[in-house]
Structure formats: structure tokens, C-alpha cells
């Protein structure tokens, strides 16, 4: 519908210009200081034929012009971006506060060897826990909670290699998750574990999906 409307509008504009060119009185184009010459009906007929031919040529190009305009408009229309494109977009972004830093660390230490889909899923679990009444209500408290994430020792997050590509990717993933730009899990997913271990607590949960080496539960 939108494309037809655009085409119709452009066609109408071109037809209006063509009609103006065809119906304009040649005698009204007289310039100051120029003596108008007498015009016969044959002159008018010839002028109308020439103008009509020009108008037909213009109208014949309407479809081409319309296609170009529609293509340009479609290119400018915001569209959902794929996860790899989003990661590239946020590649140069750095964390701006402690909460973002804690989330990026969780992604980095828990899933830097995973695909970007797997990394995003880990970030979402952290944010799901923050939103859940079962866990603390800040990212850093969730990440450093006792016996929850194995990379945390005595409530302390180790130092990441912040000059590395994995860290920059972890930051990008955390920004995507914080801004809810992409999603791999439902809001109910609060737990995961690596597929090479079999914790007892998994038996009381519903398995949702497996992404890379991690199995996710709600």
C-alpha cells in the first residue's frame, strides 16, 4: 500500500506538470520589451503537439523515477538489525558505570568462548535474575552472590583483559542486553550450566534450550 501511494503521488505530480506545460498559453510568455508576434491556430496546434510529446516522455519515466524514490525511502527506513551487526555497532562502546561493568564481566568470564548468541543468553540470565524476586535487585549483587558464578572468588571479580577483543565483545553484548535490542531467552530463564556437568538442581527445573555449551532452565 505504501509503495502504491508513493507511486501515485509522484505520477500525479508529473501529470500536473505535464498538463501545465500542455495547456499554457504561449502568448502569456511574452517578455517585457519584446513585441508579441501574431500567432495562428497552426502555431498553437504545433506547440501543443510538441508539449504533449514532451509530457509523454516524462510520464514514460515515471515508473523508473518512482522505483528510485521508493528504493531510497526503503533504505532510510529503520529496520531490525541482526545480532552480528549490533555487536559491530557497539564494538567501540565502553562501560559507563559499575553495573554495566559487572554485566560485561559476567559475559566475559562465563561465555567469552561461546558464540555471540551464547554470550547474549548469559547476559540475559543475569538481567532476568535482577528482575526476579528470587535474587538481588542489582547486577553487581547478582553477579557476586555467593556460590552462583564460579569465576567470582569471595565476592571479588577478577581482572579481565580489557584491551582484548573478547572484552570489547563482552561489553557490546552487555549493551545489547541492557537495551533489549535482541533476545535469545524468555524472561523466566534464571539458570544455566555447562553441558559437561550435571548438577542435581537441574532436575527440579524446566529445560528451555541449549546454546553452545550451556543448557538453560526456567
C-alpha atoms as a PDB file:
ATOM      1  CA  UNK A   1       0.000   0.000   0.000  1.00  0.00           C
ATOM      2  CA  UNK A   2       2.761   2.477   0.889  1.00  0.00           C
ATOM      3  CA  UNK A   3       4.635   1.922  -2.344  1.00  0.00           C
ATOM      4  CA  UNK A   4       1.487   2.324  -4.449  1.00  0.00           C
ATOM      5  CA  UNK A   5       0.655   5.543  -2.612  1.00  0.00           C
ATOM      6  CA  UNK A   6       4.138   6.905  -3.234  1.00  0.00           C
ATOM      7  CA  UNK A   7       3.962   5.988  -6.920  1.00  0.00           C
ATOM      8  CA  UNK A   8       0.539   7.565  -7.237  1.00  0.00           C
ATOM      9  CA  UNK A   9       1.739  10.781  -5.678  1.00  0.00           C
ATOM     10  CA  UNK A  10       4.745  11.033  -7.941  1.00  0.00           C
ATOM     11  CA  UNK A  11       2.677  10.199 -11.030  1.00  0.00           C
ATOM     12  CA  UNK A  12       0.104  12.839 -10.098  1.00  0.00           C
ATOM     13  CA  UNK A  13       2.822  15.449  -9.703  1.00  0.00           C
ATOM     14  CA  UNK A  14       4.340  14.614 -13.070  1.00  0.00           C
ATOM     15  CA  UNK A  15       0.941  14.655 -14.767  1.00  0.00           C
ATOM     16  CA  UNK A  16       0.188  18.040 -13.237  1.00  0.00           C
ATOM     17  CA  UNK A  17       3.438  19.432 -14.613  1.00  0.00           C
ATOM     18  CA  UNK A  18       2.690  17.899 -17.987  1.00  0.00           C
ATOM     19  CA  UNK A  19      -0.796  19.373 -18.021  1.00  0.00           C
ATOM     20  CA  UNK A  20       0.594  22.795 -17.137  1.00  0.00           C
ATOM     21  CA  UNK A  21       3.096  22.612 -19.977  1.00  0.00           C
ATOM     22  CA  UNK A  22       0.425  21.464 -22.425  1.00  0.00           C
ATOM     23  CA  UNK A  23      -2.322  23.946 -21.569  1.00  0.00           C
ATOM     24  CA  UNK A  24      -0.202  27.059 -21.000  1.00  0.00           C
ATOM     25  CA  UNK A  25      -0.930  29.866 -23.406  1.00  0.00           C
ATOM     26  CA  UNK A  26       2.212  30.666 -25.460  1.00  0.00           C
ATOM     27  CA  UNK A  27       1.090  34.280 -25.675  1.00  0.00           C
ATOM     28  CA  UNK A  28       1.384  34.684 -21.886  1.00  0.00           C
ATOM     29  CA  UNK A  29       5.119  34.006 -22.089  1.00  0.00           C
ATOM     30  CA  UNK A  30       5.773  37.394 -23.734  1.00  0.00           C
ATOM     31  CA  UNK A  31       8.713  39.166 -22.092  1.00  0.00           C
ATOM     32  CA  UNK A  32       8.950  42.912 -21.403  1.00  0.00           C
ATOM     33  CA  UNK A  33      10.384  44.795 -24.354  1.00  0.00           C
ATOM     34  CA  UNK A  34       9.602  42.042 -26.823  1.00  0.00           C
ATOM     35  CA  UNK A  35       6.891  42.725 -29.355  1.00  0.00           C
ATOM     36  CA  UNK A  36       4.461  39.841 -29.411  1.00  0.00           C
ATOM     37  CA  UNK A  37       4.100  38.283 -32.816  1.00  0.00           C
ATOM     38  CA  UNK A  38       0.816  37.235 -34.239  1.00  0.00           C
ATOM     39  CA  UNK A  39       0.241  33.546 -33.818  1.00  0.00           C
ATOM     40  CA  UNK A  40      -2.024  31.461 -35.984  1.00  0.00           C
ATOM     41  CA  UNK A  41      -4.048  28.475 -34.880  1.00  0.00           C
ATOM     42  CA  UNK A  42      -1.421  26.315 -36.625  1.00  0.00           C
ATOM     43  CA  UNK A  43       1.249  27.714 -34.293  1.00  0.00           C
ATOM     44  CA  UNK A  44      -0.891  26.786 -31.284  1.00  0.00           C
ATOM     45  CA  UNK A  45      -1.513  23.304 -32.640  1.00  0.00           C
ATOM     46  CA  UNK A  46       2.193  22.723 -33.267  1.00  0.00           C
ATOM     47  CA  UNK A  47       3.118  23.956 -29.788  1.00  0.00           C
ATOM     48  CA  UNK A  48       0.517  21.720 -28.164  1.00  0.00           C
ATOM     49  CA  UNK A  49       1.783  18.692 -30.084  1.00  0.00           C
ATOM     50  CA  UNK A  50       5.392  19.397 -29.037  1.00  0.00           C
ATOM     51  CA  UNK A  51       4.425  19.933 -25.395  1.00  0.00           C
ATOM     52  CA  UNK A  52       2.299  16.802 -25.378  1.00  0.00           C
ATOM     53  CA  UNK A  53       5.159  14.741 -26.791  1.00  0.00           C
ATOM     54  CA  UNK A  54       7.464  16.058 -24.033  1.00  0.00           C
ATOM     55  CA  UNK A  55       4.867  15.241 -21.412  1.00  0.00           C
ATOM     56  CA  UNK A  56       4.549  11.684 -22.737  1.00  0.00           C
ATOM     57  CA  UNK A  57       8.330  11.273 -22.462  1.00  0.00           C
ATOM     58  CA  UNK A  58       8.248  12.490 -18.863  1.00  0.00           C
ATOM     59  CA  UNK A  59       5.334  10.225 -17.972  1.00  0.00           C
ATOM     60  CA  UNK A  60       7.168   7.324 -19.566  1.00  0.00           C
ATOM     61  CA  UNK A  61       9.939   7.795 -16.993  1.00  0.00           C
ATOM     62  CA  UNK A  62       7.563   7.859 -14.011  1.00  0.00           C
ATOM     63  CA  UNK A  63       7.993   4.175 -13.261  1.00  0.00           C
ATOM     64  CA  UNK A  64      11.776   4.480 -13.246  1.00  0.00           C
ATOM     65  CA  UNK A  65      11.681   7.612 -11.092  1.00  0.00           C
ATOM     66  CA  UNK A  66       9.179   6.017  -8.711  1.00  0.00           C
ATOM     67  CA  UNK A  67      11.360   2.909  -8.328  1.00  0.00           C
ATOM     68  CA  UNK A  68      14.373   5.058  -7.388  1.00  0.00           C
ATOM     69  CA  UNK A  69      12.397   7.108  -4.862  1.00  0.00           C
ATOM     70  CA  UNK A  70      10.887   4.002  -3.234  1.00  0.00           C
ATOM     71  CA  UNK A  71      14.298   2.330  -3.042  1.00  0.00           C
ATOM     72  CA  UNK A  72      15.789   5.390  -1.334  1.00  0.00           C
ATOM     73  CA  UNK A  73      12.879   5.623   1.110  1.00  0.00           C
ATOM     74  CA  UNK A  74      13.113   1.937   1.991  1.00  0.00           C
ATOM     75  CA  UNK A  75      16.849   2.239   2.601  1.00  0.00           C
ATOM     76  CA  UNK A  76      16.222   5.072   5.046  1.00  0.00           C
ATOM     77  CA  UNK A  77      13.519   3.173   6.953  1.00  0.00           C
ATOM     78  CA  UNK A  78      14.721   1.798  10.331  1.00  0.00           C
ATOM     79  CA  UNK A  79      14.859  -1.981  10.367  1.00  0.00           C
ATOM     80  CA  UNK A  80      15.648  -4.629  12.938  1.00  0.00           C
ATOM     81  CA  UNK A  81      19.343  -5.379  12.888  1.00  0.00           C
ATOM     82  CA  UNK A  82      20.874  -8.828  13.207  1.00  0.00           C
ATOM     83  CA  UNK A  83      22.953  -9.643  16.289  1.00  0.00           C
ATOM     84  CA  UNK A  84      26.351  -9.590  14.482  1.00  0.00           C
ATOM     85  CA  UNK A  85      25.546  -6.115  13.135  1.00  0.00           C
ATOM     86  CA  UNK A  86      24.565  -4.942  16.624  1.00  0.00           C
ATOM     87  CA  UNK A  87      27.821  -6.284  18.067  1.00  0.00           C
ATOM     88  CA  UNK A  88      29.787  -4.337  15.437  1.00  0.00           C
ATOM     89  CA  UNK A  89      27.767  -1.212  16.261  1.00  0.00           C
ATOM     90  CA  UNK A  90      28.643  -1.405  19.959  1.00  0.00           C
ATOM     91  CA  UNK A  91      32.233  -2.599  19.452  1.00  0.00           C
ATOM     92  CA  UNK A  92      33.706   0.796  20.337  1.00  0.00           C
ATOM     93  CA  UNK A  93      31.446   1.411  23.347  1.00  0.00           C
ATOM     94  CA  UNK A  94      32.870   1.192  26.861  1.00  0.00           C
ATOM     95  CA  UNK A  95      31.112   0.590  30.166  1.00  0.00           C
ATOM     96  CA  UNK A  96      29.845   3.753  31.823  1.00  0.00           C
ATOM     97  CA  UNK A  97      29.194   2.551  35.376  1.00  0.00           C
ATOM     98  CA  UNK A  98      29.754  -0.307  37.823  1.00  0.00           C
ATOM     99  CA  UNK A  99      26.552  -2.135  36.864  1.00  0.00           C
ATOM    100  CA  UNK A 100      27.477  -2.293  33.189  1.00  0.00           C
ATOM    101  CA  UNK A 101      30.972  -3.362  34.192  1.00  0.00           C
ATOM    102  CA  UNK A 102      29.649  -6.250  36.291  1.00  0.00           C
ATOM    103  CA  UNK A 103      27.449  -7.479  33.439  1.00  0.00           C
ATOM    104  CA  UNK A 104      30.308  -7.290  30.931  1.00  0.00           C
ATOM    105  CA  UNK A 105      32.489  -9.262  33.352  1.00  0.00           C
ATOM    106  CA  UNK A 106      29.830 -11.950  33.679  1.00  0.00           C
ATOM    107  CA  UNK A 107      29.692 -12.301  29.884  1.00  0.00           C
ATOM    108  CA  UNK A 108      33.482 -12.242  29.578  1.00  0.00           C
ATOM    109  CA  UNK A 109      34.286 -14.819  32.237  1.00  0.00           C
ATOM    110  CA  UNK A 110      31.280 -17.083  31.761  1.00  0.00           C
ATOM    111  CA  UNK A 111      30.973 -17.167  27.993  1.00  0.00           C
ATOM    112  CA  UNK A 112      33.796 -15.454  26.098  1.00  0.00           C
ATOM    113  CA  UNK A 113      34.494 -18.743  24.293  1.00  0.00           C
ATOM    114  CA  UNK A 114      30.846 -19.068  23.235  1.00  0.00           C
ATOM    115  CA  UNK A 115      29.058 -17.677  20.194  1.00  0.00           C
ATOM    116  CA  UNK A 116      27.585 -14.193  20.451  1.00  0.00           C
ATOM    117  CA  UNK A 117      24.174 -15.865  20.851  1.00  0.00           C
ATOM    118  CA  UNK A 118      25.517 -17.830  23.795  1.00  0.00           C
ATOM    119  CA  UNK A 119      27.077 -14.741  25.323  1.00  0.00           C
ATOM    120  CA  UNK A 120      23.830 -12.801  24.987  1.00  0.00           C
ATOM    121  CA  UNK A 121      21.941 -15.639  26.677  1.00  0.00           C
ATOM    122  CA  UNK A 122      24.278 -15.446  29.697  1.00  0.00           C
ATOM    123  CA  UNK A 123      23.771 -11.682  29.916  1.00  0.00           C
ATOM    124  CA  UNK A 124      20.022 -12.216  29.805  1.00  0.00           C
ATOM    125  CA  UNK A 125      20.112 -14.703  32.665  1.00  0.00           C
ATOM    126  CA  UNK A 126      21.855 -12.091  34.817  1.00  0.00           C
ATOM    127  CA  UNK A 127      19.262  -9.446  33.910  1.00  0.00           C
ATOM    128  CA  UNK A 128      16.411 -11.926  34.436  1.00  0.00           C
ATOM    129  CA  UNK A 129      17.703 -12.558  37.932  1.00  0.00           C
ATOM    130  CA  UNK A 130      17.831  -8.830  38.648  1.00  0.00           C
ATOM    131  CA  UNK A 131      14.165  -8.592  37.637  1.00  0.00           C
ATOM    132  CA  UNK A 132      13.203 -11.671  39.673  1.00  0.00           C
ATOM    133  CA  UNK A 133      12.244 -11.552  43.345  1.00  0.00           C
ATOM    134  CA  UNK A 134      14.314 -14.671  43.905  1.00  0.00           C
ATOM    135  CA  UNK A 135      17.598 -12.799  43.517  1.00  0.00           C
ATOM    136  CA  UNK A 136      19.170  -9.431  44.451  1.00  0.00           C
ATOM    137  CA  UNK A 137      17.944  -6.390  42.524  1.00  0.00           C
ATOM    138  CA  UNK A 138      21.227  -5.059  41.132  1.00  0.00           C
ATOM    139  CA  UNK A 139      23.523  -6.553  38.525  1.00  0.00           C
ATOM    140  CA  UNK A 140      26.633  -6.483  40.702  1.00  0.00           C
ATOM    141  CA  UNK A 141      24.832  -8.132  43.613  1.00  0.00           C
ATOM    142  CA  UNK A 142      23.542 -10.863  41.320  1.00  0.00           C
ATOM    143  CA  UNK A 143      26.960 -11.479  39.780  1.00  0.00           C
ATOM    144  CA  UNK A 144      28.850 -11.535  43.094  1.00  0.00           C
ATOM    145  CA  UNK A 145      26.220 -13.510  45.016  1.00  0.00           C
ATOM    146  CA  UNK A 146      27.841 -16.364  46.894  1.00  0.00           C
ATOM    147  CA  UNK A 147      28.117 -19.720  45.085  1.00  0.00           C
ATOM    148  CA  UNK A 148      26.397 -18.521  41.913  1.00  0.00           C
ATOM    149  CA  UNK A 149      29.122 -17.782  39.364  1.00  0.00           C
ATOM    150  CA  UNK A 150      32.317 -19.802  39.532  1.00  0.00           C
ATOM    151  CA  UNK A 151      34.604 -17.020  38.309  1.00  0.00           C
ATOM    152  CA  UNK A 152      33.789 -14.917  41.398  1.00  0.00           C
ATOM    153  CA  UNK A 153      36.012 -15.667  44.405  1.00  0.00           C
ATOM    154  CA  UNK A 154      34.942 -14.430  47.827  1.00  0.00           C
ATOM    155  CA  UNK A 155      32.722 -11.814  46.224  1.00  0.00           C
ATOM    156  CA  UNK A 156      35.555 -10.420  44.120  1.00  0.00           C
ATOM    157  CA  UNK A 157      35.505 -10.270  40.316  1.00  0.00           C
ATOM    158  CA  UNK A 158      38.941 -10.968  38.805  1.00  0.00           C
ATOM    159  CA  UNK A 159      40.573  -8.549  36.370  1.00  0.00           C
ATOM    160  CA  UNK A 160      39.646  -9.003  32.739  1.00  0.00           C
ATOM    161  CA  UNK A 161      41.965  -8.255  29.841  1.00  0.00           C
ATOM    162  CA  UNK A 162      40.267  -5.022  28.855  1.00  0.00           C
ATOM    163  CA  UNK A 163      42.461  -4.485  25.813  1.00  0.00           C
ATOM    164  CA  UNK A 164      41.353  -7.775  24.264  1.00  0.00           C
ATOM    165  CA  UNK A 165      38.735  -8.380  21.582  1.00  0.00           C
ATOM    166  CA  UNK A 166      36.773 -10.765  23.859  1.00  0.00           C
ATOM    167  CA  UNK A 167      36.358  -7.962  26.403  1.00  0.00           C
ATOM    168  CA  UNK A 168      35.168  -5.480  23.786  1.00  0.00           C
ATOM    169  CA  UNK A 169      32.713  -8.079  22.507  1.00  0.00           C
ATOM    170  CA  UNK A 170      31.521  -8.760  26.060  1.00  0.00           C
ATOM    171  CA  UNK A 171      30.886  -5.046  26.533  1.00  0.00           C
ATOM    172  CA  UNK A 172      28.971  -4.901  23.242  1.00  0.00           C
ATOM    173  CA  UNK A 173      26.859  -7.907  24.246  1.00  0.00           C
ATOM    174  CA  UNK A 174      26.085  -6.370  27.632  1.00  0.00           C
ATOM    175  CA  UNK A 175      24.949  -3.147  25.957  1.00  0.00           C
ATOM    176  CA  UNK A 176      22.684  -5.076  23.595  1.00  0.00           C
ATOM    177  CA  UNK A 177      21.156  -6.943  26.540  1.00  0.00           C
ATOM    178  CA  UNK A 178      20.739  -3.807  28.669  1.00  0.00           C
ATOM    179  CA  UNK A 179      18.994  -2.014  25.816  1.00  0.00           C
ATOM    180  CA  UNK A 180      16.869  -5.075  24.998  1.00  0.00           C
ATOM    181  CA  UNK A 181      17.896  -4.936  21.341  1.00  0.00           C
ATOM    182  CA  UNK A 182      17.904  -8.695  20.891  1.00  0.00           C
ATOM    183  CA  UNK A 183      16.726 -11.678  22.901  1.00  0.00           C
ATOM    184  CA  UNK A 184      17.568 -15.367  22.977  1.00  0.00           C
ATOM    185  CA  UNK A 185      15.690 -16.415  26.112  1.00  0.00           C
ATOM    186  CA  UNK A 186      12.357 -15.846  27.817  1.00  0.00           C
ATOM    187  CA  UNK A 187      12.151 -13.717  30.962  1.00  0.00           C
ATOM    188  CA  UNK A 188      11.640 -16.868  33.030  1.00  0.00           C
ATOM    189  CA  UNK A 189      15.096 -18.338  32.357  1.00  0.00           C
ATOM    190  CA  UNK A 190      17.140 -17.900  35.541  1.00  0.00           C
ATOM    191  CA  UNK A 191      19.615 -20.778  35.465  1.00  0.00           C
ATOM    192  CA  UNK A 192      22.146 -22.462  33.205  1.00  0.00           C
ATOM    193  CA  UNK A 193      25.074 -24.835  33.416  1.00  0.00           C
ATOM    194  CA  UNK A 194      27.706 -26.255  31.084  1.00  0.00           C
ATOM    195  CA  UNK A 195      26.760 -29.425  29.287  1.00  0.00           C
ATOM    196  CA  UNK A 196      29.745 -31.343  30.716  1.00  0.00           C
ATOM    197  CA  UNK A 197      28.345 -31.188  34.257  1.00  0.00           C
ATOM    198  CA  UNK A 198      25.078 -32.487  35.701  1.00  0.00           C
ATOM    199  CA  UNK A 199      24.063 -30.505  38.807  1.00  0.00           C
ATOM    200  CA  UNK A 200      21.325 -32.030  40.957  1.00  0.00           C
ATOM    201  CA  UNK A 201      19.271 -28.805  40.983  1.00  0.00           C
ATOM    202  CA  UNK A 202      18.523 -29.125  37.265  1.00  0.00           C
ATOM    203  CA  UNK A 203      16.035 -31.938  37.963  1.00  0.00           C
ATOM    204  CA  UNK A 204      13.606 -29.522  39.610  1.00  0.00           C
ATOM    205  CA  UNK A 205      13.656 -27.136  36.640  1.00  0.00           C
ATOM    206  CA  UNK A 206      12.288 -26.983  33.120  1.00  0.00           C
ATOM    207  CA  UNK A 207      14.867 -27.158  30.362  1.00  0.00           C
ATOM    208  CA  UNK A 208      14.363 -24.310  27.910  1.00  0.00           C
ATOM    209  CA  UNK A 209      17.149 -24.563  25.351  1.00  0.00           C
ATOM    210  CA  UNK A 210      20.811 -25.296  24.716  1.00  0.00           C
ATOM    211  CA  UNK A 211      23.090 -22.685  23.170  1.00  0.00           C
ATOM    212  CA  UNK A 212      26.674 -23.745  22.616  1.00  0.00           C
ATOM    213  CA  UNK A 213      27.972 -25.458  25.749  1.00  0.00           C
ATOM    214  CA  UNK A 214      25.283 -24.017  28.046  1.00  0.00           C
ATOM    215  CA  UNK A 215      21.912 -25.516  28.901  1.00  0.00           C
ATOM    216  CA  UNK A 216      19.301 -23.009  30.104  1.00  0.00           C
ATOM    217  CA  UNK A 217      16.399 -23.598  32.528  1.00  0.00           C
ATOM    218  CA  UNK A 218      13.344 -21.862  33.873  1.00  0.00           C
END
